């Protein structure tokens, strides 16, 4: 069904091109997306709007970006006149990883993390309305492997913020079916996760502090915990 829609509705191809143009304005985009021989929805993962589940690889001069590609596709079995899927795509930026080869990316905790965030978004039916309401969201995710030493809590979970706005990373793209939020996934240390869990204002203060840090907006494993009370 989705393949037929993609072939017959030029708006889908236009939407994909606009997303490609967005990422091309930031870095060098790999020609091929990461996709799956068997769609994860057939092995128990949540379905994405147009069933297509993929991830883009973008390399900047100082970082690697892994981005979901399909959360903002229009829903199948609708007239698709005004719905941009879940209204967002998520991305994770890793400082200093711009030269990682594909096999290292596929085996990395970073790729596992962006997949887990994307599947959580799909499983919740999207979080765009929550981002509109609260500005920044926090999550604690049980990764199988550590992203980096000192970043997981005592239960083996990694905290992340969704929606931190970084300079040079516009957070909106206009697609044929509506606006798409480009949502950053920012790992945070356990002490920061505890702060983020307190309130929306605490998350916003933490997000502002992270956005103000010098250097690349990407995840830096050596970054010390922020002194936020």
C-alpha atoms as a PDB file:
ATOM      1  CA  UNK A   1       0.000   0.000   0.000  1.00  0.00           C
ATOM      2  CA  UNK A   2       2.696   2.522   0.997  1.00  0.00           C
ATOM      3  CA  UNK A   3       4.779   1.823  -2.119  1.00  0.00           C
ATOM      4  CA  UNK A   4       1.769   2.507  -4.346  1.00  0.00           C
ATOM      5  CA  UNK A   5       1.000   5.746  -2.522  1.00  0.00           C
ATOM      6  CA  UNK A   6       4.624   6.881  -2.731  1.00  0.00           C
ATOM      7  CA  UNK A   7       4.675   6.247  -6.479  1.00  0.00           C
ATOM      8  CA  UNK A   8       1.341   7.922  -7.222  1.00  0.00           C
ATOM      9  CA  UNK A   9       1.401  10.950  -4.940  1.00  0.00           C
ATOM     10  CA  UNK A  10       4.090  13.469  -5.952  1.00  0.00           C
ATOM     11  CA  UNK A  11       3.774  15.248  -2.611  1.00  0.00           C
ATOM     12  CA  UNK A  12       5.545  12.375  -0.878  1.00  0.00           C
ATOM     13  CA  UNK A  13       8.538  12.610  -3.188  1.00  0.00           C
ATOM     14  CA  UNK A  14       8.558  16.387  -2.680  1.00  0.00           C
ATOM     15  CA  UNK A  15       8.508  15.930   1.090  1.00  0.00           C
ATOM     16  CA  UNK A  16      11.453  13.544   0.923  1.00  0.00           C
ATOM     17  CA  UNK A  17      13.359  16.037  -1.230  1.00  0.00           C
ATOM     18  CA  UNK A  18      12.725  18.848   1.247  1.00  0.00           C
ATOM     19  CA  UNK A  19      14.071  16.703   4.069  1.00  0.00           C
ATOM     20  CA  UNK A  20      17.124  15.882   1.954  1.00  0.00           C
ATOM     21  CA  UNK A  21      17.620  19.585   1.217  1.00  0.00           C
ATOM     22  CA  UNK A  22      17.437  20.345   4.940  1.00  0.00           C
ATOM     23  CA  UNK A  23      20.158  17.848   5.839  1.00  0.00           C
ATOM     24  CA  UNK A  24      22.289  18.833   2.847  1.00  0.00           C
ATOM     25  CA  UNK A  25      22.327  22.389   4.202  1.00  0.00           C
ATOM     26  CA  UNK A  26      23.959  21.055   7.379  1.00  0.00           C
ATOM     27  CA  UNK A  27      26.381  18.390   6.171  1.00  0.00           C
ATOM     28  CA  UNK A  28      27.222  15.690   3.664  1.00  0.00           C
ATOM     29  CA  UNK A  29      24.322  13.247   3.396  1.00  0.00           C
ATOM     30  CA  UNK A  30      25.014   9.587   2.654  1.00  0.00           C
ATOM     31  CA  UNK A  31      23.371   8.505  -0.593  1.00  0.00           C
ATOM     32  CA  UNK A  32      21.708   5.481   1.008  1.00  0.00           C
ATOM     33  CA  UNK A  33      19.530   5.455   4.110  1.00  0.00           C
ATOM     34  CA  UNK A  34      19.785   2.749   6.742  1.00  0.00           C
ATOM     35  CA  UNK A  35      16.763   0.518   6.300  1.00  0.00           C
ATOM     36  CA  UNK A  36      15.821  -3.029   7.226  1.00  0.00           C
ATOM     37  CA  UNK A  37      15.414  -6.238   5.250  1.00  0.00           C
ATOM     38  CA  UNK A  38      12.395  -7.000   7.428  1.00  0.00           C
ATOM     39  CA  UNK A  39      10.393  -3.980   8.519  1.00  0.00           C
ATOM     40  CA  UNK A  40      10.629  -3.750  12.347  1.00  0.00           C
ATOM     41  CA  UNK A  41       6.828  -3.450  12.533  1.00  0.00           C
ATOM     42  CA  UNK A  42       6.651  -7.116  11.525  1.00  0.00           C
ATOM     43  CA  UNK A  43       8.788  -8.139  14.502  1.00  0.00           C
ATOM     44  CA  UNK A  44       6.820  -6.279  17.172  1.00  0.00           C
ATOM     45  CA  UNK A  45       8.017  -2.686  16.828  1.00  0.00           C
ATOM     46  CA  UNK A  46       5.490   0.137  16.373  1.00  0.00           C
ATOM     47  CA  UNK A  47       4.376   0.934  12.835  1.00  0.00           C
ATOM     48  CA  UNK A  48       5.427   4.263  11.354  1.00  0.00           C
ATOM     49  CA  UNK A  49       2.865   6.402   9.480  1.00  0.00           C
ATOM     50  CA  UNK A  50       3.714   5.251   5.949  1.00  0.00           C
ATOM     51  CA  UNK A  51       5.224   1.949   7.234  1.00  0.00           C
ATOM     52  CA  UNK A  52       8.662   3.068   5.944  1.00  0.00           C
ATOM     53  CA  UNK A  53      11.287   2.990   8.704  1.00  0.00           C
ATOM     54  CA  UNK A  54      14.717   4.366   7.839  1.00  0.00           C
ATOM     55  CA  UNK A  55      17.582   6.491   9.158  1.00  0.00           C
ATOM     56  CA  UNK A  56      19.810   9.033   7.459  1.00  0.00           C
ATOM     57  CA  UNK A  57      23.550   9.493   7.997  1.00  0.00           C
ATOM     58  CA  UNK A  58      24.871  13.053   7.795  1.00  0.00           C
ATOM     59  CA  UNK A  59      28.501  13.991   8.278  1.00  0.00           C
ATOM     60  CA  UNK A  60      29.583  17.511   9.241  1.00  0.00           C
ATOM     61  CA  UNK A  61      33.136  18.765   9.627  1.00  0.00           C
ATOM     62  CA  UNK A  62      33.061  17.943  13.331  1.00  0.00           C
ATOM     63  CA  UNK A  63      30.249  15.462  13.943  1.00  0.00           C
ATOM     64  CA  UNK A  64      28.069  12.599  12.798  1.00  0.00           C
ATOM     65  CA  UNK A  65      24.286  12.986  12.693  1.00  0.00           C
ATOM     66  CA  UNK A  66      21.891  10.035  12.739  1.00  0.00           C
ATOM     67  CA  UNK A  67      18.330  11.030  11.892  1.00  0.00           C
ATOM     68  CA  UNK A  68      15.043   9.196  11.657  1.00  0.00           C
ATOM     69  CA  UNK A  69      13.555   9.204   8.165  1.00  0.00           C
ATOM     70  CA  UNK A  70       9.873   8.288   7.997  1.00  0.00           C
ATOM     71  CA  UNK A  71       8.201   9.542  11.173  1.00  0.00           C
ATOM     72  CA  UNK A  72       6.934  12.561   9.222  1.00  0.00           C
ATOM     73  CA  UNK A  73       5.702  10.550   6.236  1.00  0.00           C
ATOM     74  CA  UNK A  74       1.931  10.903   5.743  1.00  0.00           C
ATOM     75  CA  UNK A  75      -0.313   8.199   7.135  1.00  0.00           C
ATOM     76  CA  UNK A  76      -1.403   5.421   4.818  1.00  0.00           C
ATOM     77  CA  UNK A  77      -5.105   4.829   4.124  1.00  0.00           C
ATOM     78  CA  UNK A  78      -6.016   8.543   4.409  1.00  0.00           C
ATOM     79  CA  UNK A  79      -6.536  11.320   1.887  1.00  0.00           C
ATOM     80  CA  UNK A  80      -3.208  12.698   3.164  1.00  0.00           C
ATOM     81  CA  UNK A  81      -4.397  16.254   2.644  1.00  0.00           C
ATOM     82  CA  UNK A  82      -3.094  17.845   5.825  1.00  0.00           C
ATOM     83  CA  UNK A  83      -1.270  15.324   7.994  1.00  0.00           C
ATOM     84  CA  UNK A  84       2.521  15.109   8.188  1.00  0.00           C
ATOM     85  CA  UNK A  85       2.681  11.786   9.999  1.00  0.00           C
ATOM     86  CA  UNK A  86       3.863  12.339  13.549  1.00  0.00           C
ATOM     87  CA  UNK A  87       4.958  15.859  12.622  1.00  0.00           C
ATOM     88  CA  UNK A  88       8.623  15.326  13.476  1.00  0.00           C
ATOM     89  CA  UNK A  89      11.889  13.608  12.762  1.00  0.00           C
ATOM     90  CA  UNK A  90      14.443  12.976  15.519  1.00  0.00           C
ATOM     91  CA  UNK A  91      18.201  13.287  15.268  1.00  0.00           C
ATOM     92  CA  UNK A  92      21.243  12.509  17.391  1.00  0.00           C
ATOM     93  CA  UNK A  93      24.523  14.328  16.779  1.00  0.00           C
ATOM     94  CA  UNK A  94      27.813  12.832  17.993  1.00  0.00           C
ATOM     95  CA  UNK A  95      30.839  15.118  18.200  1.00  0.00           C
ATOM     96  CA  UNK A  96      34.044  13.770  16.668  1.00  0.00           C
ATOM     97  CA  UNK A  97      32.361  10.770  15.020  1.00  0.00           C
ATOM     98  CA  UNK A  98      32.225  12.169  11.493  1.00  0.00           C
ATOM     99  CA  UNK A  99      34.583   9.480  10.147  1.00  0.00           C
ATOM    100  CA  UNK A 100      32.807   6.456  11.578  1.00  0.00           C
ATOM    101  CA  UNK A 101      32.324   3.807   8.873  1.00  0.00           C
ATOM    102  CA  UNK A 102      28.930   2.235   8.344  1.00  0.00           C
ATOM    103  CA  UNK A 103      29.686  -0.952  10.255  1.00  0.00           C
ATOM    104  CA  UNK A 104      30.773   1.050  13.307  1.00  0.00           C
ATOM    105  CA  UNK A 105      27.603   3.137  13.102  1.00  0.00           C
ATOM    106  CA  UNK A 106      25.397   0.045  12.862  1.00  0.00           C
ATOM    107  CA  UNK A 107      27.066  -1.529  15.906  1.00  0.00           C
ATOM    108  CA  UNK A 108      27.081   1.638  18.004  1.00  0.00           C
ATOM    109  CA  UNK A 109      25.073   2.546  21.079  1.00  0.00           C
ATOM    110  CA  UNK A 110      24.349   5.842  19.305  1.00  0.00           C
ATOM    111  CA  UNK A 111      22.412   4.078  16.545  1.00  0.00           C
ATOM    112  CA  UNK A 112      20.591   1.975  19.123  1.00  0.00           C
ATOM    113  CA  UNK A 113      19.676   5.203  20.933  1.00  0.00           C
ATOM    114  CA  UNK A 114      18.191   7.028  17.929  1.00  0.00           C
ATOM    115  CA  UNK A 115      16.242   3.895  17.001  1.00  0.00           C
ATOM    116  CA  UNK A 116      14.879   3.601  20.531  1.00  0.00           C
ATOM    117  CA  UNK A 117      13.798   7.241  20.599  1.00  0.00           C
ATOM    118  CA  UNK A 118      12.114   6.957  17.194  1.00  0.00           C
ATOM    119  CA  UNK A 119      10.267   3.802  18.211  1.00  0.00           C
ATOM    120  CA  UNK A 120       9.127   5.461  21.429  1.00  0.00           C
ATOM    121  CA  UNK A 121       7.765   8.379  19.420  1.00  0.00           C
ATOM    122  CA  UNK A 122       5.904   5.988  17.125  1.00  0.00           C
ATOM    123  CA  UNK A 123       4.697   3.896  20.039  1.00  0.00           C
ATOM    124  CA  UNK A 124       3.200   6.970  21.713  1.00  0.00           C
ATOM    125  CA  UNK A 125       1.526   8.079  18.508  1.00  0.00           C
ATOM    126  CA  UNK A 126       3.824  11.087  18.309  1.00  0.00           C
ATOM    127  CA  UNK A 127       4.991  13.614  20.889  1.00  0.00           C
ATOM    128  CA  UNK A 128       4.596  16.810  18.881  1.00  0.00           C
ATOM    129  CA  UNK A 129       1.723  18.045  21.042  1.00  0.00           C
ATOM    130  CA  UNK A 130       3.760  17.430  24.202  1.00  0.00           C
ATOM    131  CA  UNK A 131       6.682  19.374  22.758  1.00  0.00           C
ATOM    132  CA  UNK A 132       4.297  22.211  21.942  1.00  0.00           C
ATOM    133  CA  UNK A 133       3.000  22.186  25.507  1.00  0.00           C
ATOM    134  CA  UNK A 134       6.213  21.676  27.487  1.00  0.00           C
ATOM    135  CA  UNK A 135       8.949  22.841  25.110  1.00  0.00           C
ATOM    136  CA  UNK A 136      11.420  20.116  26.099  1.00  0.00           C
ATOM    137  CA  UNK A 137      10.796  16.496  27.092  1.00  0.00           C
ATOM    138  CA  UNK A 138      12.976  14.057  29.028  1.00  0.00           C
ATOM    139  CA  UNK A 139      13.180  10.288  28.685  1.00  0.00           C
ATOM    140  CA  UNK A 140      15.111   7.501  30.415  1.00  0.00           C
ATOM    141  CA  UNK A 141      15.961   4.682  28.038  1.00  0.00           C
ATOM    142  CA  UNK A 142      17.312   1.189  28.839  1.00  0.00           C
ATOM    143  CA  UNK A 143      20.107   0.811  26.283  1.00  0.00           C
ATOM    144  CA  UNK A 144      21.695  -2.626  26.032  1.00  0.00           C
ATOM    145  CA  UNK A 145      25.179  -1.107  25.901  1.00  0.00           C
ATOM    146  CA  UNK A 146      26.589   2.053  27.472  1.00  0.00           C
ATOM    147  CA  UNK A 147      26.743   5.119  25.279  1.00  0.00           C
ATOM    148  CA  UNK A 148      29.754   6.207  27.334  1.00  0.00           C
ATOM    149  CA  UNK A 149      31.124   5.641  30.820  1.00  0.00           C
ATOM    150  CA  UNK A 150      29.404   7.733  33.467  1.00  0.00           C
ATOM    151  CA  UNK A 151      26.301   8.525  31.420  1.00  0.00           C
ATOM    152  CA  UNK A 152      23.992   5.699  32.533  1.00  0.00           C
ATOM    153  CA  UNK A 153      22.287   5.617  35.906  1.00  0.00           C
ATOM    154  CA  UNK A 154      22.419   2.793  38.441  1.00  0.00           C
ATOM    155  CA  UNK A 155      19.616   0.995  36.597  1.00  0.00           C
ATOM    156  CA  UNK A 156      21.489   1.106  33.297  1.00  0.00           C
ATOM    157  CA  UNK A 157      19.241   3.765  31.807  1.00  0.00           C
ATOM    158  CA  UNK A 158      20.375   6.734  29.756  1.00  0.00           C
ATOM    159  CA  UNK A 159      18.622  10.070  30.095  1.00  0.00           C
ATOM    160  CA  UNK A 160      17.933  12.251  27.068  1.00  0.00           C
ATOM    161  CA  UNK A 161      16.257  15.561  26.370  1.00  0.00           C
ATOM    162  CA  UNK A 162      14.074  15.942  23.301  1.00  0.00           C
ATOM    163  CA  UNK A 163      13.790  19.358  21.711  1.00  0.00           C
ATOM    164  CA  UNK A 164      16.895  21.301  22.712  1.00  0.00           C
ATOM    165  CA  UNK A 165      17.333  24.098  20.137  1.00  0.00           C
ATOM    166  CA  UNK A 166      20.905  24.432  18.899  1.00  0.00           C
ATOM    167  CA  UNK A 167      22.376  27.218  16.789  1.00  0.00           C
ATOM    168  CA  UNK A 168      22.792  26.161  13.178  1.00  0.00           C
ATOM    169  CA  UNK A 169      20.152  23.444  13.487  1.00  0.00           C
ATOM    170  CA  UNK A 170      16.780  24.883  12.379  1.00  0.00           C
ATOM    171  CA  UNK A 171      13.962  23.051  14.101  1.00  0.00           C
ATOM    172  CA  UNK A 172      11.273  23.242  11.397  1.00  0.00           C
ATOM    173  CA  UNK A 173      10.848  22.102   7.801  1.00  0.00           C
ATOM    174  CA  UNK A 174       7.714  22.805   5.800  1.00  0.00           C
ATOM    175  CA  UNK A 175       6.497  19.617   4.111  1.00  0.00           C
ATOM    176  CA  UNK A 176       3.614  19.269   1.644  1.00  0.00           C
ATOM    177  CA  UNK A 177       1.469  17.720   4.382  1.00  0.00           C
ATOM    178  CA  UNK A 178       2.303  20.236   7.094  1.00  0.00           C
ATOM    179  CA  UNK A 179       5.220  21.418   9.235  1.00  0.00           C
ATOM    180  CA  UNK A 180       7.808  18.936  10.465  1.00  0.00           C
ATOM    181  CA  UNK A 181       9.669  19.518  13.721  1.00  0.00           C
ATOM    182  CA  UNK A 182      13.358  18.523  13.564  1.00  0.00           C
ATOM    183  CA  UNK A 183      13.845  17.317  17.122  1.00  0.00           C
ATOM    184  CA  UNK A 184      17.259  16.941  18.723  1.00  0.00           C
ATOM    185  CA  UNK A 185      17.997  13.977  20.996  1.00  0.00           C
ATOM    186  CA  UNK A 186      20.499  15.138  23.618  1.00  0.00           C
ATOM    187  CA  UNK A 187      21.986  12.646  26.105  1.00  0.00           C
ATOM    188  CA  UNK A 188      22.239  13.932  29.654  1.00  0.00           C
ATOM    189  CA  UNK A 189      24.074  12.691  32.716  1.00  0.00           C
ATOM    190  CA  UNK A 190      22.221  10.983  35.600  1.00  0.00           C
ATOM    191  CA  UNK A 191      22.344  14.075  37.822  1.00  0.00           C
ATOM    192  CA  UNK A 192      20.905  16.138  34.985  1.00  0.00           C
ATOM    193  CA  UNK A 193      18.136  13.602  34.398  1.00  0.00           C
ATOM    194  CA  UNK A 194      17.143  13.944  38.049  1.00  0.00           C
ATOM    195  CA  UNK A 195      16.882  17.701  37.572  1.00  0.00           C
ATOM    196  CA  UNK A 196      14.954  17.312  34.309  1.00  0.00           C
ATOM    197  CA  UNK A 197      12.387  15.078  35.996  1.00  0.00           C
ATOM    198  CA  UNK A 198      11.346  17.844  38.377  1.00  0.00           C
ATOM    199  CA  UNK A 199       9.403  20.153  36.085  1.00  0.00           C
ATOM    200  CA  UNK A 200       9.045  21.685  32.643  1.00  0.00           C
ATOM    201  CA  UNK A 201      10.881  24.805  33.828  1.00  0.00           C
ATOM    202  CA  UNK A 202      13.792  22.664  35.058  1.00  0.00           C
ATOM    203  CA  UNK A 203      14.009  20.939  31.661  1.00  0.00           C
ATOM    204  CA  UNK A 204      13.928  24.284  29.885  1.00  0.00           C
ATOM    205  CA  UNK A 205      16.713  25.639  32.090  1.00  0.00           C
ATOM    206  CA  UNK A 206      18.810  22.540  31.419  1.00  0.00           C
ATOM    207  CA  UNK A 207      18.137  22.802  27.685  1.00  0.00           C
ATOM    208  CA  UNK A 208      19.200  26.456  27.678  1.00  0.00           C
ATOM    209  CA  UNK A 209      22.421  25.593  29.490  1.00  0.00           C
ATOM    210  CA  UNK A 210      23.202  22.799  27.020  1.00  0.00           C
ATOM    211  CA  UNK A 211      22.480  25.028  24.029  1.00  0.00           C
ATOM    212  CA  UNK A 212      24.842  27.687  25.421  1.00  0.00           C
ATOM    213  CA  UNK A 213      27.840  25.344  25.679  1.00  0.00           C
ATOM    214  CA  UNK A 214      30.685  26.241  23.302  1.00  0.00           C
ATOM    215  CA  UNK A 215      31.633  24.040  20.385  1.00  0.00           C
ATOM    216  CA  UNK A 216      29.647  21.520  18.384  1.00  0.00           C
ATOM    217  CA  UNK A 217      26.056  20.813  19.431  1.00  0.00           C
ATOM    218  CA  UNK A 218      26.796  17.093  19.248  1.00  0.00           C
ATOM    219  CA  UNK A 219      27.025  14.652  22.149  1.00  0.00           C
ATOM    220  CA  UNK A 220      30.473  14.856  23.754  1.00  0.00           C
ATOM    221  CA  UNK A 221      31.268  11.936  26.047  1.00  0.00           C
ATOM    222  CA  UNK A 222      33.803  14.045  27.947  1.00  0.00           C
ATOM    223  CA  UNK A 223      31.337  16.790  28.830  1.00  0.00           C
ATOM    224  CA  UNK A 224      31.084  17.165  32.606  1.00  0.00           C
ATOM    225  CA  UNK A 225      27.717  17.307  34.311  1.00  0.00           C
ATOM    226  CA  UNK A 226      26.247  20.794  34.396  1.00  0.00           C
ATOM    227  CA  UNK A 227      26.040  22.379  37.863  1.00  0.00           C
ATOM    228  CA  UNK A 228      22.282  22.899  37.791  1.00  0.00           C
ATOM    229  CA  UNK A 229      20.365  22.588  41.077  1.00  0.00           C
END
